[in-house]
PDB file of N, CA and C in Angstrom:
ATOM      1  N   MET A   1       7.487   2.261  -2.021  1.00  0.00           N
ATOM      2  CA  MET A   1       6.918   3.480  -1.368  1.00  0.00           C
ATOM      3  C   MET A   1       7.949   4.357  -1.775  1.00  0.00           C
ATOM      4  N   LYS A   2       7.800   5.668  -1.582  1.00  0.00           N
ATOM      5  CA  LYS A   2       8.520   7.070  -1.745  1.00  0.00           C
ATOM      6  C   LYS A   2       9.676   7.032  -0.691  1.00  0.00           C
ATOM      7  N   PRO A   3      10.721   7.749  -1.449  1.00  0.00           N
ATOM      8  CA  PRO A   3      11.865   7.675  -0.286  1.00  0.00           C
ATOM      9  C   PRO A   3      11.107   8.273   0.978  1.00  0.00           C
ATOM     10  N   ILE A   4      11.812   8.359   2.285  1.00  0.00           N
ATOM     11  CA  ILE A   4      11.326   8.788   3.432  1.00  0.00           C
ATOM     12  C   ILE A   4      12.505   9.680   3.714  1.00  0.00           C
ATOM     13  N   ARG A   5      12.396  10.876   4.599  1.00  0.00           N
ATOM     14  CA  ARG A   5      13.040  11.873   5.124  1.00  0.00           C
ATOM     15  C   ARG A   5      12.876  12.525   6.390  1.00  0.00           C
ATOM     16  N   PHE A   6      13.637  12.435   7.311  1.00  0.00           N
ATOM     17  CA  PHE A   6      13.157  13.054   8.625  1.00  0.00           C
ATOM     18  C   PHE A   6      13.786  14.392   8.723  1.00  0.00           C
ATOM     19  N   THR A   7      12.783  15.236   9.320  1.00  0.00           N
ATOM     20  CA  THR A   7      13.289  16.587   9.645  1.00  0.00           C
ATOM     21  C   THR A   7      14.143  16.753  10.984  1.00  0.00           C
ATOM     22  N   VAL A   8      14.881  17.606  11.266  1.00  0.00           N
ATOM     23  CA  VAL A   8      15.680  17.783  12.146  1.00  0.00           C
ATOM     24  C   VAL A   8      15.043  17.601  13.503  1.00  0.00           C
ATOM     25  N   HIS A   9      13.553  18.179  13.538  1.00  0.00           N
ATOM     26  CA  HIS A   9      12.709  18.212  14.554  1.00  0.00           C
ATOM     27  C   HIS A   9      12.295  16.987  14.888  1.00  0.00           C
ATOM     28  N   ALA A  10      12.022  15.912  14.112  1.00  0.00           N
ATOM     29  CA  ALA A  10      11.715  14.685  13.920  1.00  0.00           C
ATOM     30  C   ALA A  10      12.712  13.872  14.382  1.00  0.00           C
ATOM     31  N   LEU A  11      13.893  13.783  14.286  1.00  0.00           N
ATOM     32  CA  LEU A  11      14.985  12.980  14.601  1.00  0.00           C
ATOM     33  C   LEU A  11      15.190  13.669  16.125  1.00  0.00           C
ATOM     34  N   GLU A  12      15.180  14.599  16.571  1.00  0.00           N
ATOM     35  CA  GLU A  12      14.944  15.410  17.987  1.00  0.00           C
ATOM     36  C   GLU A  12      13.963  14.569  18.738  1.00  0.00           C
ATOM     37  N   LYS A  13      12.898  14.561  18.183  1.00  0.00           N
ATOM     38  CA  LYS A  13      11.563  13.791  18.953  1.00  0.00           C
ATOM     39  C   LYS A  13      12.053  12.509  19.414  1.00  0.00           C
ATOM     40  N   LEU A  14      12.584  11.651  18.123  1.00  0.00           N
ATOM     41  CA  LEU A  14      13.002  10.561  18.243  1.00  0.00           C
ATOM     42  C   LEU A  14      13.736  10.426  19.893  1.00  0.00           C
ATOM     43  N   GLU A  15      14.636  10.858  19.797  1.00  0.00           N
ATOM     44  CA  GLU A  15      15.661  11.052  20.896  1.00  0.00           C
ATOM     45  C   GLU A  15      14.939  11.632  22.378  1.00  0.00           C
ATOM     46  N   LEU A  16      13.826  12.329  22.318  1.00  0.00           N
ATOM     47  CA  LEU A  16      13.266  12.550  23.606  1.00  0.00           C
ATOM     48  C   LEU A  16      12.105  11.643  23.749  1.00  0.00           C
ATOM     49  N   MET A  17      11.711  10.822  22.844  1.00  0.00           N
ATOM     50  CA  MET A  17      11.010   9.786  22.918  1.00  0.00           C
ATOM     51  C   MET A  17      11.734   8.449  23.883  1.00  0.00           C
ATOM     52  N   ARG A  18      13.042   8.646  23.473  1.00  0.00           N
ATOM     53  CA  ARG A  18      13.698   7.448  24.073  1.00  0.00           C
ATOM     54  C   ARG A  18      14.135   7.867  25.562  1.00  0.00           C
ATOM     55  N   GLU A  19      14.127   8.993  26.043  1.00  0.00           N
ATOM     56  CA  GLU A  19      14.655   9.711  27.202  1.00  0.00           C
ATOM     57  C   GLU A  19      13.221   9.426  27.774  1.00  0.00           C
ATOM     58  N   TRP A  20      12.207   9.371  27.108  1.00  0.00           N
ATOM     59  CA  TRP A  20      10.777   9.422  28.154  1.00  0.00           C
ATOM     60  C   TRP A  20      10.540   7.605  28.133  1.00  0.00           C
ATOM     61  N   GLY A  21      11.260   6.895  27.905  1.00  0.00           N
ATOM     62  CA  GLY A  21      11.165   5.538  27.990  1.00  0.00           C
ATOM     63  C   GLY A  21      10.669   4.431  26.616  1.00  0.00           C
ATOM     64  N   PHE A  22      10.203   5.263  25.614  1.00  0.00           N
ATOM     65  CA  PHE A  22       9.887   4.729  24.559  1.00  0.00           C
ATOM     66  C   PHE A  22      11.298   4.083  23.627  1.00  0.00           C
ATOM     67  N   VAL A  23      10.953   3.085  23.373  1.00  0.00           N
ATOM     68  CA  VAL A  23      12.036   2.294  22.679  1.00  0.00           C
ATOM     69  C   VAL A  23      11.620   2.402  20.810  1.00  0.00           C
ATOM     70  N   ILE A  24      12.232   3.297  20.315  1.00  0.00           N
ATOM     71  CA  ILE A  24      11.677   3.547  19.316  1.00  0.00           C
ATOM     72  C   ILE A  24      12.840   3.975  18.300  1.00  0.00           C
ATOM     73  N   ASP A  25      13.065   3.945  17.038  1.00  0.00           N
ATOM     74  CA  ASP A  25      14.174   4.257  16.179  1.00  0.00           C
ATOM     75  C   ASP A  25      13.266   4.687  14.756  1.00  0.00           C
ATOM     76  N   GLU A  26      14.519   5.235  13.657  1.00  0.00           N
ATOM     77  CA  GLU A  26      13.809   5.386  12.400  1.00  0.00           C
ATOM     78  C   GLU A  26      13.360   4.458  11.594  1.00  0.00           C
ATOM     79  N   GLU A  27      14.062   2.946  11.698  1.00  0.00           N
ATOM     80  CA  GLU A  27      13.263   2.025  11.091  1.00  0.00           C
ATOM     81  C   GLU A  27      11.984   1.686  11.811  1.00  0.00           C
ATOM     82  N   MET A  28      11.544   1.779  12.714  1.00  0.00           N
ATOM     83  CA  MET A  28      10.509   1.526  13.550  1.00  0.00           C
ATOM     84  C   MET A  28       9.516   2.612  13.149  1.00  0.00           C
ATOM     85  N   VAL A  29       9.687   3.524  12.709  1.00  0.00           N
ATOM     86  CA  VAL A  29       8.931   4.858  12.223  1.00  0.00           C
ATOM     87  C   VAL A  29       8.430   4.615  10.704  1.00  0.00           C
ATOM     88  N   ILE A  30       9.671   3.981   9.985  1.00  0.00           N
ATOM     89  CA  ILE A  30       9.225   3.669   8.615  1.00  0.00           C
ATOM     90  C   ILE A  30       8.308   2.553   8.287  1.00  0.00           C
ATOM     91  N   GLU A  31       8.796   1.481   9.217  1.00  0.00           N
ATOM     92  CA  GLU A  31       7.625   0.603   9.231  1.00  0.00           C
ATOM     93  C   GLU A  31       6.438   1.044   9.335  1.00  0.00           C
ATOM     94  N   PHE A  32       6.036   1.776  10.518  1.00  0.00           N
ATOM     95  CA  PHE A  32       4.942   2.538  11.018  1.00  0.00           C
ATOM     96  C   PHE A  32       4.163   3.302   9.899  1.00  0.00           C
ATOM     97  N   LEU A  33       4.880   3.820   8.941  1.00  0.00           N
ATOM     98  CA  LEU A  33       4.736   4.630   7.781  1.00  0.00           C
ATOM     99  C   LEU A  33       4.332   3.459   6.713  1.00  0.00           C
ATOM    100  N   LYS A  34       4.697   2.638   6.638  1.00  0.00           N
ATOM    101  CA  LYS A  34       4.391   1.393   5.641  1.00  0.00           C
ATOM    102  C   LYS A  34       3.062   0.806   5.678  1.00  0.00           C
ATOM    103  N   HIS A  35       3.139   0.391   7.132  1.00  0.00           N
ATOM    104  CA  HIS A  35       1.710  -0.314   7.521  1.00  0.00           C
ATOM    105  C   HIS A  35       1.000   0.514   8.650  1.00  0.00           C
ATOM    106  N   PRO A  36       0.740   1.781   8.708  1.00  0.00           N
ATOM    107  CA  PRO A  36      -0.100   2.069   9.744  1.00  0.00           C
ATOM    108  C   PRO A  36      -1.483   1.788   9.824  1.00  0.00           C
ATOM    109  N   GLN A  37      -2.326   2.003  11.030  1.00  0.00           N
ATOM    110  CA  GLN A  37      -3.195   1.323  11.304  1.00  0.00           C
ATOM    111  C   GLN A  37      -4.473   2.520  10.882  1.00  0.00           C
ATOM    112  N   ASP A  38      -4.104   3.453  11.184  1.00  0.00           N
ATOM    113  CA  ASP A  38      -4.910   4.269  10.673  1.00  0.00           C
ATOM    114  C   ASP A  38      -4.034   5.653   9.850  1.00  0.00           C
ATOM    115  N   ILE A  39      -4.700   6.563   8.887  1.00  0.00           N
ATOM    116  CA  ILE A  39      -3.967   7.689   8.311  1.00  0.00           C
ATOM    117  C   ILE A  39      -5.009   8.516   8.445  1.00  0.00           C
ATOM    118  N   ILE A  40      -4.787   9.858   9.188  1.00  0.00           N
ATOM    119  CA  ILE A  40      -5.757  11.103   9.161  1.00  0.00           C
ATOM    120  C   ILE A  40      -5.361  12.152   8.500  1.00  0.00           C
ATOM    121  N   HIS A  41      -6.398  12.925   8.089  1.00  0.00           N
ATOM    122  CA  HIS A  41      -5.770  14.388   7.439  1.00  0.00           C
ATOM    123  C   HIS A  41      -5.662  15.198   8.405  1.00  0.00           C
ATOM    124  N   GLY A  42      -4.483  15.698   8.486  1.00  0.00           N
ATOM    125  CA  GLY A  42      -4.160  16.858   9.288  1.00  0.00           C
ATOM    126  C   GLY A  42      -3.932  18.069   8.630  1.00  0.00           C
ATOM    127  N   TYR A  43      -3.524  19.077   9.322  1.00  0.00           N
ATOM    128  CA  TYR A  43      -3.684  20.577   9.023  1.00  0.00           C
ATOM    129  C   TYR A  43      -2.480  20.845   7.750  1.00  0.00           C
ATOM    130  N   SER A  44      -2.930  22.070   7.121  1.00  0.00           N
ATOM    131  CA  SER A  44      -2.080  22.168   5.791  1.00  0.00           C
ATOM    132  C   SER A  44      -1.227  21.425   5.020  1.00  0.00           C
ATOM    133  N   GLY A  45      -2.570  20.028   4.730  1.00  0.00           N
ATOM    134  CA  GLY A  45      -2.214  18.823   3.726  1.00  0.00           C
ATOM    135  C   GLY A  45      -1.440  18.203   4.450  1.00  0.00           C
ATOM    136  N   ARG A  46      -1.154  18.186   5.582  1.00  0.00           N
ATOM    137  CA  ARG A  46      -0.329  16.853   6.100  1.00  0.00           C
ATOM    138  C   ARG A  46      -0.827  15.658   6.687  1.00  0.00           C
ATOM    139  N   PHE A  47      -0.464  14.449   6.839  1.00  0.00           N
ATOM    140  CA  PHE A  47      -1.028  13.784   7.024  1.00  0.00           C
ATOM    141  C   PHE A  47      -0.550  12.981   8.622  1.00  0.00           C
ATOM    142  N   ILE A  48      -1.354  12.351   9.304  1.00  0.00           N
ATOM    143  CA  ILE A  48      -1.003  11.610  10.575  1.00  0.00           C
ATOM    144  C   ILE A  48      -1.355  10.214  10.614  1.00  0.00           C
ATOM    145  N   ALA A  49      -0.065   9.393  10.488  1.00  0.00           N
ATOM    146  CA  ALA A  49      -0.232   7.976  10.613  1.00  0.00           C
ATOM    147  C   ALA A  49      -0.047   7.397  11.911  1.00  0.00           C
ATOM    148  N   GLN A  50      -0.997   6.753  12.507  1.00  0.00           N
ATOM    149  CA  GLN A  50      -1.115   6.316  13.501  1.00  0.00           C
ATOM    150  C   GLN A  50      -1.079   4.553  13.819  1.00  0.00           C
ATOM    151  N   SER A  51      -0.176   3.944  14.891  1.00  0.00           N
ATOM    152  CA  SER A  51      -0.134   2.715  15.135  1.00  0.00           C
ATOM    153  C   SER A  51      -0.108   2.562  16.449  1.00  0.00           C
ATOM    154  N   MET A  52      -0.083   1.163  17.082  1.00  0.00           N
ATOM    155  CA  MET A  52       0.014   1.180  18.417  1.00  0.00           C
ATOM    156  C   MET A  52       1.502   0.907  18.535  1.00  0.00           C
ATOM    157  N   LEU A  53       1.852   1.729  19.700  1.00  0.00           N
ATOM    158  CA  LEU A  53       3.098   1.736  20.346  1.00  0.00           C
ATOM    159  C   LEU A  53       3.346   0.377  21.451  1.00  0.00           C
ATOM    160  N   ASP A  54       2.224   0.491  22.299  1.00  0.00           N
ATOM    161  CA  ASP A  54       2.371  -0.399  23.510  1.00  0.00           C
ATOM    162  C   ASP A  54       0.732  -0.260  23.816  1.00  0.00           C
ATOM    163  N   GLU A  55       0.776  -1.313  24.813  1.00  0.00           N
ATOM    164  CA  GLU A  55      -0.545  -1.482  24.853  1.00  0.00           C
ATOM    165  C   GLU A  55      -1.458  -0.327  25.518  1.00  0.00           C
ATOM    166  N   ASN A  56      -0.768   0.884  26.131  1.00  0.00           N
ATOM    167  CA  ASN A  56      -1.392   2.227  26.531  1.00  0.00           C
ATOM    168  C   ASN A  56      -1.437   3.161  25.888  1.00  0.00           C
ATOM    169  N   HIS A  57      -0.249   3.156  24.660  1.00  0.00           N
ATOM    170  CA  HIS A  57       0.064   4.226  23.569  1.00  0.00           C
ATOM    171  C   HIS A  57      -0.047   4.143  22.200  1.00  0.00           C
ATOM    172  N   VAL A  58      -0.358   5.035  21.257  1.00  0.00           N
ATOM    173  CA  VAL A  58      -0.038   4.972  19.897  1.00  0.00           C
ATOM    174  C   VAL A  58       0.958   5.792  19.630  1.00  0.00           C
ATOM    175  N   LEU A  59       1.633   5.482  18.462  1.00  0.00           N
ATOM    176  CA  LEU A  59       2.511   6.542  17.889  1.00  0.00           C
ATOM    177  C   LEU A  59       1.872   7.051  16.977  1.00  0.00           C
ATOM    178  N   ARG A  60       2.100   8.984  16.631  1.00  0.00           N
ATOM    179  CA  ARG A  60       1.499   9.224  15.909  1.00  0.00           C
ATOM    180  C   ARG A  60       2.633  10.120  14.934  1.00  0.00           C
ATOM    181  N   VAL A  61       2.504  10.070  13.442  1.00  0.00           N
ATOM    182  CA  VAL A  61       3.717  10.422  12.762  1.00  0.00           C
ATOM    183  C   VAL A  61       2.974  11.504  12.098  1.00  0.00           C
ATOM    184  N   VAL A  62       3.447  12.699  12.178  1.00  0.00           N
ATOM    185  CA  VAL A  62       2.887  13.748  11.199  1.00  0.00           C
ATOM    186  C   VAL A  62       4.258  13.653   9.951  1.00  0.00           C
ATOM    187  N   TYR A  63       3.227  13.901   8.513  1.00  0.00           N
ATOM    188  CA  TYR A  63       4.481  13.597   7.627  1.00  0.00           C
ATOM    189  C   TYR A  63       3.576  14.258   6.435  1.00  0.00           C
ATOM    190  N   GLU A  64       4.525  15.151   5.521  1.00  0.00           N
ATOM    191  CA  GLU A  64       3.941  15.535   4.333  1.00  0.00           C
ATOM    192  C   GLU A  64       4.017  14.838   3.101  1.00  0.00           C
ATOM    193  N   GLU A  65       3.507  14.435   2.259  1.00  0.00           N
ATOM    194  CA  GLU A  65       3.947  13.378   0.940  1.00  0.00           C
ATOM    195  C   GLU A  65       3.629  14.627  -0.387  1.00  0.00           C
ATOM    196  N   GLY A  66       5.058  14.286  -0.862  1.00  0.00           N
ATOM    197  CA  GLY A  66       5.131  14.927  -2.529  1.00  0.00           C
ATOM    198  C   GLY A  66       6.120  13.915  -2.917  1.00  0.00           C
ATOM    199  N   GLU A  67       7.175  14.433  -3.612  1.00  0.00           N
ATOM    200  CA  GLU A  67       7.972  13.648  -3.939  1.00  0.00           C
ATOM    201  C   GLU A  67       8.347  12.413  -3.455  1.00  0.00           C
ATOM    202  N   GLU A  68       8.708  12.998  -2.058  1.00  0.00           N
ATOM    203  CA  GLU A  68       9.235  12.106  -0.954  1.00  0.00           C
ATOM    204  C   GLU A  68       8.129  12.193   0.087  1.00  0.00           C
ATOM    205  N   ILE A  69       8.567  11.200   1.135  1.00  0.00           N
ATOM    206  CA  ILE A  69       7.734  11.488   2.477  1.00  0.00           C
ATOM    207  C   ILE A  69       8.531  12.109   3.574  1.00  0.00           C
ATOM    208  N   LEU A  70       7.964  13.250   4.090  1.00  0.00           N
ATOM    209  CA  LEU A  70       8.926  13.866   4.893  1.00  0.00           C
ATOM    210  C   LEU A  70       8.322  13.818   6.296  1.00  0.00           C
ATOM    211  N   VAL A  71       9.022  13.357   7.050  1.00  0.00           N
ATOM    212  CA  VAL A  71       8.307  12.983   8.518  1.00  0.00           C
ATOM    213  C   VAL A  71       8.752  14.402   9.238  1.00  0.00           C
ATOM    214  N   VAL A  72       7.505  15.016   9.378  1.00  0.00           N
ATOM    215  CA  VAL A  72       7.764  16.501  10.311  1.00  0.00           C
ATOM    216  C   VAL A  72       7.878  16.393  11.837  1.00  0.00           C
ATOM    217  N   THR A  73       7.238  15.300  12.248  1.00  0.00           N
ATOM    218  CA  THR A  73       7.031  15.183  13.832  1.00  0.00           C
ATOM    219  C   THR A  73       6.696  14.375  14.040  1.00  0.00           C
ATOM    220  N   LEU A  74       6.685  13.610  15.395  1.00  0.00           N
ATOM    221  CA  LEU A  74       5.975  12.161  15.994  1.00  0.00           C
ATOM    222  C   LEU A  74       6.365  12.711  17.552  1.00  0.00           C
ATOM    223  N   TYR A  75       5.130  11.727  17.904  1.00  0.00           N
ATOM    224  CA  TYR A  75       4.559  11.846  19.223  1.00  0.00           C
ATOM    225  C   TYR A  75       3.709  10.546  19.749  1.00  0.00           C
ATOM    226  N   PRO A  76       4.235  10.327  20.874  1.00  0.00           N
ATOM    227  CA  PRO A  76       2.989   9.117  21.730  1.00  0.00           C
ATOM    228  C   PRO A  76       2.082   9.755  22.042  1.00  0.00           C
ATOM    229  N   GLY A  77       1.102   9.194  21.914  1.00  0.00           N
ATOM    230  CA  GLY A  77      -0.375   9.733  22.483  1.00  0.00           C
ATOM    231  C   GLY A  77      -0.861   8.459  23.192  1.00  0.00           C
ATOM    232  N   ARG A  78      -2.037   8.912  24.162  1.00  0.00           N
ATOM    233  CA  ARG A  78      -2.611   7.828  24.881  1.00  0.00           C
ATOM    234  C   ARG A  78      -3.771   6.849  24.209  1.00  0.00           C
ATOM    235  N   ARG A  79      -3.759   5.722  24.356  1.00  0.00           N
ATOM    236  CA  ARG A  79      -4.639   4.935  23.097  1.00  0.00           C
ATOM    237  C   ARG A  79      -6.058   5.252  23.499  1.00  0.00           C
ATOM    238  N   GLN A  80      -6.647   5.763  24.531  1.00  0.00           N
ATOM    239  CA  GLN A  80      -7.818   5.639  24.798  1.00  0.00           C
ATOM    240  C   GLN A  80      -8.156   7.456  24.173  1.00  0.00           C
ATOM    241  N   ARG A  81      -7.117   8.033  24.016  1.00  0.00           N
ATOM    242  CA  ARG A  81      -7.581   9.423  23.591  1.00  0.00           C
ATOM    243  C   ARG A  81      -7.645   9.336  21.953  1.00  0.00           C
ATOM    244  N   TYR A  82      -6.748   8.460  21.330  1.00  0.00           N
ATOM    245  CA  TYR A  82      -6.816   8.796  19.650  1.00  0.00           C
ATOM    246  C   TYR A  82      -7.239   7.412  19.001  1.00  0.00           C
ATOM    247  N   ALA A  83      -7.938   6.194  19.845  1.00  0.00           N
ATOM    248  CA  ALA A  83      -8.404   5.105  19.541  1.00  0.00           C
ATOM    249  C   ALA A  83      -9.858   5.442  18.864  1.00  0.00           C
ATOM    250  N   HIS A  84     -10.199   4.853  17.732  1.00  0.00           N
ATOM    251  CA  HIS A  84     -11.361   5.223  16.963  1.00  0.00           C
ATOM    252  C   HIS A  84     -12.380   4.105  17.086  1.00  0.00           C
TER     253      HIS A  84
END
């Protein structure tokens, strides 16, 4: 797998998610990127990797891919909204 780098914004979102009660860290995000349940094409050539976070939520990781994978942002979503 390509090297993975997090933007400052993505790291701030990780901290915010912890404040919201989601137990997640950089290593979990990397595992989600390695084994996503779904990958969706986003805006401006970006991708969204999606995996189950808990029984009610998915984690959506927005990233760009070039020589490395750049995690732009991430956020929890309600499972019923993003389930295919």
